Amino acid sequence: MTKPDLAPVQPVLISEALIAAYRAAKYWVDLPSGKIILEIGELVQCTEQFPPHTRLAVITACNPFSQPLSASDNASRQAELIRAVEEAGISWFPAAGTDPKGVWDPEPSVGIIGGSDDQLDGWMERFEQNAVVSVELGGLTALRLHPRGIVAQAARTC
């Protein structure tokens, strides 16, 4: 019996500059209790609505692997992501990633309550996203890279 030919799994290269941009961005989620702003590395307080260790994640389907698409293409992809989240039985809320310097427009996203590592990784694969923002409330906000993500080191000269 021969094994089927499988294409090698390619890494997803993410530049240091892009990681820096993700870290500098602010991510808001419009929760029923009000808008919450997430910043990478910052502590997120718990609320009565969301007790400690409740996971909150922000994900988008827009601009796959940071390649700009038209507004209509992004809207279609975002609707597909929302369907996938709803089919998984996970609550979601409007969200966006924003550039504090205003270089790029806010990127529509969804804030999801719950969601496993496997689900987040699966959506990053399916919607071709470099990373998601994730925090267990009461903890620090973190950038979760694509499951095949590798930070591409800038060339160094001596």
N, C-alpha and C. Protein backbone atom coordinates (compact mmCIF):
# COMPACT_ATOMS: atom_id res chain seq x y z
N MET A 1 0.84 -1.17 0.00
CA MET A 1 0.00 0.00 0.00
C MET A 1 0.90 1.24 0.00
N THR A 2 0.60 2.17 -0.89
CA THR A 2 1.39 3.39 -0.95
C THR A 2 0.64 4.52 -0.25
N LYS A 3 1.43 5.40 0.28
CA LYS A 3 0.84 6.57 0.94
C LYS A 3 0.48 7.59 -0.12
N PRO A 4 -0.64 8.31 0.10
CA PRO A 4 -0.98 9.36 -0.87
C PRO A 4 0.05 10.49 -0.79
N ASP A 5 0.27 11.11 -1.94
CA ASP A 5 1.17 12.27 -1.96
C ASP A 5 0.51 13.43 -1.24
N LEU A 6 1.15 13.90 -0.22
CA LEU A 6 0.65 15.04 0.52
C LEU A 6 1.56 16.23 0.25
N ALA A 7 0.94 17.35 -0.03
CA ALA A 7 1.72 18.57 -0.23
C ALA A 7 2.35 18.96 1.10
N PRO A 8 3.59 19.40 1.06
CA PRO A 8 4.22 19.81 2.31
C PRO A 8 3.47 21.01 2.91
N VAL A 9 3.37 21.01 4.21
CA VAL A 9 2.71 22.11 4.89
C VAL A 9 3.68 23.28 4.94
N GLN A 10 3.25 24.38 4.37
CA GLN A 10 4.11 25.56 4.29
C GLN A 10 3.92 26.44 5.51
N PRO A 11 5.00 26.99 6.02
CA PRO A 11 4.84 27.94 7.13
C PRO A 11 4.21 29.24 6.64
N VAL A 12 3.60 29.94 7.57
CA VAL A 12 3.06 31.26 7.30
C VAL A 12 4.07 32.25 7.85
N LEU A 13 4.76 32.97 6.96
CA LEU A 13 5.78 33.92 7.38
C LEU A 13 5.13 35.25 7.72
N ILE A 14 5.42 35.74 8.93
CA ILE A 14 4.85 37.00 9.41
C ILE A 14 6.02 37.91 9.74
N SER A 15 6.07 39.06 9.11
CA SER A 15 7.21 39.96 9.31
C SER A 15 7.21 40.56 10.71
N GLU A 16 8.41 40.93 11.15
CA GLU A 16 8.54 41.61 12.44
C GLU A 16 7.76 42.92 12.43
N ALA A 17 7.77 43.61 11.30
CA ALA A 17 7.04 44.88 11.19
C ALA A 17 5.54 44.68 11.37
N LEU A 18 5.02 43.59 10.80
CA LEU A 18 3.60 43.30 10.93
C LEU A 18 3.27 42.93 12.38
N ILE A 19 4.12 42.15 13.01
CA ILE A 19 3.92 41.82 14.43
C ILE A 19 3.91 43.11 15.25
N ALA A 20 4.83 44.02 14.96
CA ALA A 20 4.87 45.29 15.69
C ALA A 20 3.58 46.09 15.48
N ALA A 21 3.06 46.08 14.26
CA ALA A 21 1.81 46.79 13.98
C ALA A 21 0.65 46.16 14.75
N TYR A 22 0.60 44.83 14.79
CA TYR A 22 -0.45 44.16 15.57
C TYR A 22 -0.34 44.52 17.05
N ARG A 23 0.89 44.56 17.56
CA ARG A 23 1.10 44.89 18.98
C ARG A 23 0.72 46.33 19.29
N ALA A 24 0.91 47.23 18.34
CA ALA A 24 0.60 48.64 18.56
C ALA A 24 -0.89 48.94 18.40
N ALA A 25 -1.60 48.07 17.71
CA ALA A 25 -3.03 48.31 17.44
C ALA A 25 -3.85 48.24 18.73
N LYS A 26 -5.02 48.84 18.64
CA LYS A 26 -6.01 48.73 19.72
C LYS A 26 -7.19 47.97 19.13
N TYR A 27 -7.75 47.10 19.93
CA TYR A 27 -8.85 46.25 19.50
C TYR A 27 -10.04 46.52 20.40
N TRP A 28 -11.16 46.90 19.82
CA TRP A 28 -12.34 47.14 20.65
C TRP A 28 -13.39 46.08 20.38
N VAL A 29 -14.14 45.76 21.43
CA VAL A 29 -15.26 44.83 21.33
C VAL A 29 -16.46 45.52 21.96
N ASP A 30 -17.58 45.53 21.26
CA ASP A 30 -18.79 46.18 21.74
C ASP A 30 -19.64 45.15 22.49
N LEU A 31 -19.35 45.00 23.79
CA LEU A 31 -20.07 44.06 24.65
C LEU A 31 -21.37 44.69 25.14
N PRO A 32 -22.34 43.88 25.58
CA PRO A 32 -23.59 44.45 26.11
C PRO A 32 -23.36 45.43 27.27
N SER A 33 -22.31 45.22 28.03
CA SER A 33 -22.01 46.10 29.18
C SER A 33 -21.25 47.35 28.77
N GLY A 34 -20.89 47.44 27.50
CA GLY A 34 -20.15 48.59 27.00
C GLY A 34 -18.94 48.17 26.21
N LYS A 35 -18.34 49.14 25.55
CA LYS A 35 -17.17 48.87 24.71
C LYS A 35 -15.95 48.62 25.59
N ILE A 36 -15.20 47.58 25.24
CA ILE A 36 -13.95 47.26 25.93
C ILE A 36 -12.82 47.42 24.92
N ILE A 37 -11.72 48.02 25.36
CA ILE A 37 -10.55 48.21 24.50
C ILE A 37 -9.47 47.24 24.95
N LEU A 38 -8.93 46.48 24.00
CA LEU A 38 -7.86 45.53 24.29
C LEU A 38 -6.56 46.04 23.67
N GLU A 39 -5.49 45.94 24.43
CA GLU A 39 -4.15 46.27 23.94
C GLU A 39 -3.23 45.12 24.33
N ILE A 40 -2.41 44.68 23.39
CA ILE A 40 -1.51 43.56 23.63
C ILE A 40 -0.63 43.86 24.85
N GLY A 41 -0.58 42.89 25.76
CA GLY A 41 0.25 43.02 26.96
C GLY A 41 -0.43 43.73 28.12
N GLU A 42 -1.65 44.22 27.91
CA GLU A 42 -2.36 44.94 28.97
C GLU A 42 -3.32 44.01 29.70
N LEU A 43 -3.49 44.28 30.99
CA LEU A 43 -4.41 43.53 31.85
C LEU A 43 -5.85 43.90 31.50
N VAL A 44 -6.71 42.90 31.46
CA VAL A 44 -8.13 43.12 31.22
C VAL A 44 -8.89 42.70 32.47
N GLN A 45 -9.63 43.63 33.03
CA GLN A 45 -10.39 43.36 34.24
C GLN A 45 -11.61 42.50 33.94
N CYS A 46 -12.02 41.74 34.93
CA CYS A 46 -13.23 40.94 34.83
C CYS A 46 -14.44 41.84 35.09
N THR A 47 -15.59 41.36 34.68
CA THR A 47 -16.84 42.07 34.96
C THR A 47 -17.81 41.05 35.54
N GLU A 48 -18.93 41.54 36.05
CA GLU A 48 -19.95 40.61 36.54
C GLU A 48 -20.44 39.72 35.41
N GLN A 49 -20.52 40.29 34.22
CA GLN A 49 -21.01 39.54 33.07
C GLN A 49 -20.02 38.47 32.62
N PHE A 50 -18.72 38.78 32.77
CA PHE A 50 -17.68 37.85 32.32
C PHE A 50 -16.70 37.63 33.47
N PRO A 51 -16.85 36.52 34.17
CA PRO A 51 -15.99 36.26 35.33
C PRO A 51 -14.56 35.91 34.92
N PRO A 52 -13.66 35.78 35.92
CA PRO A 52 -12.26 35.43 35.62
C PRO A 52 -12.17 34.17 34.75
N HIS A 53 -11.17 34.15 33.92
CA HIS A 53 -10.83 33.02 33.05
C HIS A 53 -11.81 32.81 31.90
N THR A 54 -12.72 33.76 31.69
CA THR A 54 -13.55 33.74 30.50
C THR A 54 -12.69 34.22 29.34
N ARG A 55 -12.63 33.44 28.28
CA ARG A 55 -11.80 33.85 27.13
C ARG A 55 -12.58 34.80 26.25
N LEU A 56 -11.91 35.86 25.87
CA LEU A 56 -12.41 36.80 24.89
C LEU A 56 -11.36 36.84 23.78
N ALA A 57 -11.80 36.65 22.55
CA ALA A 57 -10.88 36.68 21.41
C ALA A 57 -11.43 37.61 20.34
N VAL A 58 -10.54 38.22 19.60
CA VAL A 58 -10.92 39.09 18.49
C VAL A 58 -10.30 38.51 17.23
N ILE A 59 -11.17 38.25 16.24
CA ILE A 59 -10.72 37.68 14.98
C ILE A 59 -11.45 38.35 13.83
N THR A 60 -10.79 38.41 12.70
CA THR A 60 -11.39 38.95 11.49
C THR A 60 -11.21 37.95 10.36
N ALA A 61 -11.99 38.15 9.31
CA ALA A 61 -11.79 37.37 8.08
C ALA A 61 -11.31 38.30 6.97
N CYS A 62 -11.16 39.58 7.28
CA CYS A 62 -10.77 40.57 6.28
C CYS A 62 -9.30 40.47 5.93
N ASN A 63 -8.99 40.90 4.73
CA ASN A 63 -7.61 41.06 4.27
C ASN A 63 -6.73 39.85 4.60
N PRO A 64 -6.98 38.71 3.93
CA PRO A 64 -6.24 37.48 4.24
C PRO A 64 -4.72 37.65 4.18
N PHE A 65 -4.08 37.16 5.24
CA PHE A 65 -2.62 37.30 5.39
C PHE A 65 -2.17 38.74 5.10
N SER A 66 -3.00 39.69 5.55
CA SER A 66 -2.71 41.13 5.45
C SER A 66 -2.62 41.65 4.02
N GLN A 67 -3.27 40.96 3.10
CA GLN A 67 -3.33 41.42 1.71
C GLN A 67 -4.68 42.12 1.50
N PRO A 68 -4.69 43.41 1.21
CA PRO A 68 -5.94 44.16 1.11
C PRO A 68 -6.89 43.59 0.06
N LEU A 69 -8.16 43.53 0.43
CA LEU A 69 -9.23 43.14 -0.48
C LEU A 69 -10.22 44.30 -0.57
N SER A 70 -11.14 44.20 -1.52
CA SER A 70 -12.18 45.22 -1.65
C SER A 70 -13.12 45.14 -0.45
N ALA A 71 -13.85 46.21 -0.21
CA ALA A 71 -14.81 46.24 0.89
C ALA A 71 -15.85 45.14 0.73
N SER A 72 -16.31 44.90 -0.49
CA SER A 72 -17.33 43.86 -0.70
C SER A 72 -16.77 42.47 -0.46
N ASP A 73 -15.54 42.21 -0.90
CA ASP A 73 -14.93 40.90 -0.63
C ASP A 73 -14.74 40.70 0.87
N ASN A 74 -14.27 41.74 1.56
CA ASN A 74 -14.09 41.63 3.01
C ASN A 74 -15.42 41.40 3.71
N ALA A 75 -16.48 42.09 3.28
CA ALA A 75 -17.80 41.91 3.89
C ALA A 75 -18.30 40.48 3.71
N SER A 76 -18.08 39.90 2.53
CA SER A 76 -18.49 38.50 2.30
C SER A 76 -17.72 37.55 3.19
N ARG A 77 -16.43 37.76 3.31
CA ARG A 77 -15.59 36.91 4.17
C ARG A 77 -16.01 37.05 5.64
N GLN A 78 -16.30 38.29 6.04
CA GLN A 78 -16.69 38.52 7.43
C GLN A 78 -18.02 37.84 7.73
N ALA A 79 -18.97 37.88 6.80
CA ALA A 79 -20.25 37.20 6.99
C ALA A 79 -20.05 35.70 7.11
N GLU A 80 -19.12 35.16 6.35
CA GLU A 80 -18.82 33.72 6.43
C GLU A 80 -18.22 33.37 7.80
N LEU A 81 -17.35 34.23 8.32
CA LEU A 81 -16.78 34.01 9.66
C LEU A 81 -17.88 34.03 10.71
N ILE A 82 -18.78 34.99 10.62
CA ILE A 82 -19.87 35.07 11.60
C ILE A 82 -20.72 33.81 11.54
N ARG A 83 -20.99 33.31 10.35
CA ARG A 83 -21.75 32.05 10.23
C ARG A 83 -21.00 30.90 10.90
N ALA A 84 -19.69 30.84 10.70
CA ALA A 84 -18.89 29.77 11.30
C ALA A 84 -18.92 29.85 12.83
N VAL A 85 -18.82 31.05 13.37
CA VAL A 85 -18.86 31.25 14.82
C VAL A 85 -20.23 30.85 15.36
N GLU A 86 -21.29 31.28 14.68
CA GLU A 86 -22.64 30.92 15.12
C GLU A 86 -22.89 29.42 15.03
N GLU A 87 -22.40 28.78 13.96
CA GLU A 87 -22.56 27.33 13.82
C GLU A 87 -21.84 26.58 14.94
N ALA A 88 -20.78 27.18 15.47
CA ALA A 88 -20.05 26.57 16.59
C ALA A 88 -20.76 26.83 17.92
N GLY A 89 -21.85 27.60 17.90
CA GLY A 89 -22.60 27.88 19.11
C GLY A 89 -21.90 28.88 20.04
N ILE A 90 -21.08 29.75 19.46
CA ILE A 90 -20.31 30.69 20.26
C ILE A 90 -20.91 32.09 20.11
N SER A 91 -21.01 32.78 21.25
CA SER A 91 -21.51 34.16 21.23
C SER A 91 -20.46 35.08 20.61
N TRP A 92 -20.93 36.07 19.85
CA TRP A 92 -20.01 37.02 19.25
C TRP A 92 -20.59 38.42 19.35
N PHE A 93 -19.69 39.40 19.25
CA PHE A 93 -20.06 40.80 19.35
C PHE A 93 -19.26 41.59 18.31
N PRO A 94 -19.80 42.71 17.83
CA PRO A 94 -19.04 43.53 16.88
C PRO A 94 -17.71 43.96 17.50
N ALA A 95 -16.69 44.01 16.67
CA ALA A 95 -15.35 44.38 17.13
C ALA A 95 -14.58 44.96 15.95
N ALA A 96 -13.42 45.51 16.25
CA ALA A 96 -12.54 46.03 15.20
C ALA A 96 -11.14 46.16 15.73
N GLY A 97 -10.18 46.03 14.81
CA GLY A 97 -8.79 46.34 15.10
C GLY A 97 -8.51 47.72 14.54
N THR A 98 -7.88 48.58 15.35
CA THR A 98 -7.65 49.95 14.91
C THR A 98 -6.17 50.32 15.04
N ASP A 99 -5.74 51.16 14.13
CA ASP A 99 -4.37 51.66 14.13
C ASP A 99 -4.35 53.01 14.84
N PRO A 100 -3.68 53.11 15.99
CA PRO A 100 -3.68 54.39 16.71
C PRO A 100 -3.06 55.54 15.92
N LYS A 101 -2.22 55.24 14.92
CA LYS A 101 -1.63 56.29 14.09
C LYS A 101 -2.52 56.65 12.90
N GLY A 102 -3.56 55.84 12.67
CA GLY A 102 -4.49 56.12 11.58
C GLY A 102 -3.96 55.81 10.20
N VAL A 103 -2.88 55.02 10.10
CA VAL A 103 -2.32 54.67 8.80
C VAL A 103 -3.27 53.75 8.04
N TRP A 104 -3.89 52.81 8.75
CA TRP A 104 -4.85 51.93 8.08
C TRP A 104 -6.22 52.06 8.73
N ASP A 105 -7.25 51.80 7.94
CA ASP A 105 -8.63 51.91 8.41
C ASP A 105 -8.93 50.82 9.43
N PRO A 106 -9.89 51.08 10.34
CA PRO A 106 -10.30 50.02 11.26
C PRO A 106 -10.73 48.77 10.49
N GLU A 107 -10.34 47.62 11.00
CA GLU A 107 -10.65 46.36 10.34
C GLU A 107 -11.79 45.67 11.08
N PRO A 108 -12.95 45.51 10.41
CA PRO A 108 -14.08 44.85 11.07
C PRO A 108 -13.66 43.47 11.57
N SER A 109 -14.12 43.15 12.77
CA SER A 109 -13.77 41.89 13.42
C SER A 109 -14.96 41.42 14.22
N VAL A 110 -14.82 40.27 14.84
CA VAL A 110 -15.80 39.80 15.81
C VAL A 110 -15.08 39.50 17.12
N GLY A 111 -15.73 39.85 18.20
CA GLY A 111 -15.26 39.48 19.52
C GLY A 111 -16.04 38.25 19.94
N ILE A 112 -15.35 37.20 20.28
CA ILE A 112 -16.05 35.97 20.66
C ILE A 112 -15.76 35.62 22.11
N ILE A 113 -16.79 35.12 22.77
CA ILE A 113 -16.69 34.70 24.16
C ILE A 113 -16.56 33.18 24.13
N GLY A 114 -15.46 32.68 24.66
CA GLY A 114 -15.20 31.25 24.61
C GLY A 114 -14.38 30.95 23.38
N GLY A 115 -14.54 29.80 22.87
CA GLY A 115 -13.74 29.40 21.71
C GLY A 115 -12.45 28.76 22.16
N SER A 116 -12.21 27.56 21.70
CA SER A 116 -11.02 26.81 22.09
C SER A 116 -9.83 27.22 21.22
N ASP A 117 -8.64 26.80 21.65
CA ASP A 117 -7.45 27.02 20.84
C ASP A 117 -7.64 26.39 19.46
N ASP A 118 -8.19 25.18 19.41
CA ASP A 118 -8.40 24.51 18.13
C ASP A 118 -9.35 25.29 17.23
N GLN A 119 -10.41 25.87 17.81
CA GLN A 119 -11.33 26.65 17.00
C GLN A 119 -10.64 27.90 16.46
N LEU A 120 -9.93 28.61 17.33
CA LEU A 120 -9.23 29.82 16.87
C LEU A 120 -8.22 29.47 15.78
N ASP A 121 -7.45 28.40 15.98
CA ASP A 121 -6.48 27.98 14.97
C ASP A 121 -7.17 27.60 13.67
N GLY A 122 -8.28 26.90 13.78
CA GLY A 122 -9.04 26.51 12.58
C GLY A 122 -9.55 27.71 11.80
N TRP A 123 -10.04 28.71 12.51
CA TRP A 123 -10.51 29.91 11.82
C TRP A 123 -9.36 30.70 11.23
N MET A 124 -8.21 30.72 11.91
CA MET A 124 -7.05 31.40 11.30
C MET A 124 -6.66 30.70 10.00
N GLU A 125 -6.69 29.36 9.99
CA GLU A 125 -6.39 28.61 8.77
C GLU A 125 -7.44 28.91 7.70
N ARG A 126 -8.70 28.74 8.05
CA ARG A 126 -9.79 28.87 7.08
C ARG A 126 -9.86 30.27 6.48
N PHE A 127 -9.67 31.30 7.32
CA PHE A 127 -9.81 32.67 6.85
C PHE A 127 -8.48 33.36 6.60
N GLU A 128 -7.40 32.57 6.63
CA GLU A 128 -6.07 33.04 6.26
C GLU A 128 -5.66 34.29 7.04
N GLN A 129 -5.64 34.13 8.36
CA GLN A 129 -5.28 35.24 9.24
C GLN A 129 -3.96 34.94 9.93
N ASN A 130 -3.11 35.95 10.03
CA ASN A 130 -1.81 35.78 10.68
C ASN A 130 -1.92 35.57 12.18
N ALA A 131 -2.95 36.17 12.79
CA ALA A 131 -3.04 36.13 14.25
C ALA A 131 -4.44 36.49 14.70
N VAL A 132 -4.73 36.17 15.96
CA VAL A 132 -5.92 36.66 16.65
C VAL A 132 -5.46 37.26 17.97
N VAL A 133 -6.31 38.08 18.53
CA VAL A 133 -6.06 38.64 19.86
C VAL A 133 -6.87 37.81 20.84
N SER A 134 -6.25 37.44 21.95
CA SER A 134 -6.93 36.57 22.90
C SER A 134 -6.56 36.97 24.33
N VAL A 135 -7.52 36.88 25.22
CA VAL A 135 -7.27 37.17 26.64
C VAL A 135 -8.23 36.34 27.48
N GLU A 136 -7.71 35.81 28.56
CA GLU A 136 -8.58 35.26 29.59
C GLU A 136 -8.80 36.39 30.55
N LEU A 137 -10.06 36.81 30.72
CA LEU A 137 -10.34 37.98 31.52
C LEU A 137 -9.73 37.83 32.90
N GLY A 138 -9.13 38.92 33.35
CA GLY A 138 -8.34 38.90 34.57
C GLY A 138 -6.87 38.69 34.26
N GLY A 139 -6.54 38.51 32.97
CA GLY A 139 -5.16 38.26 32.55
C GLY A 139 -4.71 39.28 31.52
N LEU A 140 -3.57 38.99 30.90
CA LEU A 140 -2.98 39.89 29.92
C LEU A 140 -3.44 39.54 28.51
N THR A 141 -3.70 40.56 27.73
CA THR A 141 -4.08 40.38 26.33
C THR A 141 -2.85 39.92 25.54
N ALA A 142 -3.06 38.92 24.68
CA ALA A 142 -1.94 38.35 23.93
C ALA A 142 -2.28 38.24 22.45
N LEU A 143 -1.24 38.18 21.66
CA LEU A 143 -1.35 37.93 20.24
C LEU A 143 -1.11 36.44 20.03
N ARG A 144 -2.09 35.75 19.47
CA ARG A 144 -1.95 34.32 19.18
C ARG A 144 -1.68 34.19 17.69
N LEU A 145 -0.50 33.70 17.35
CA LEU A 145 -0.12 33.58 15.95
C LEU A 145 -0.78 32.39 15.28
N HIS A 146 -0.89 32.48 13.97
CA HIS A 146 -1.37 31.40 13.12
C HIS A 146 -0.65 30.11 13.52
N PRO A 147 -1.33 28.97 13.51
CA PRO A 147 -0.68 27.73 13.95
C PRO A 147 0.57 27.34 13.15
N ARG A 148 0.69 27.86 11.93
CA ARG A 148 1.91 27.62 11.15
C ARG A 148 2.75 28.89 11.04
N GLY A 149 2.42 29.87 11.89
CA GLY A 149 3.07 31.17 11.81
C GLY A 149 4.51 31.14 12.33
N ILE A 150 5.37 31.77 11.56
CA ILE A 150 6.78 31.94 11.91
C ILE A 150 7.11 33.41 11.71
N VAL A 151 7.72 34.01 12.73
CA VAL A 151 8.11 35.41 12.59
C VAL A 151 9.36 35.45 11.72
N ALA A 152 9.23 36.14 10.60
CA ALA A 152 10.34 36.26 9.65
C ALA A 152 11.29 37.34 10.14
N GLN A 153 12.49 36.94 10.47
CA GLN A 153 13.50 37.87 10.96
C GLN A 153 13.97 38.75 9.82
N ALA A 154 14.09 40.03 10.12
CA ALA A 154 14.63 40.95 9.11
C ALA A 154 16.09 40.62 8.89
N ALA A 155 16.54 40.81 7.67
CA ALA A 155 17.95 40.56 7.35
C ALA A 155 18.83 41.48 8.19
N ARG A 156 19.86 40.96 8.73
CA ARG A 156 20.79 41.74 9.57
C ARG A 156 22.11 41.91 8.81
N THR A 157 22.65 43.09 8.92
CA THR A 157 23.98 43.31 8.32
C THR A 157 24.97 43.63 9.41
N CYS A 158 26.24 43.32 9.17
CA CYS A 158 27.28 43.59 10.16
C CYS A 158 27.86 44.96 9.98
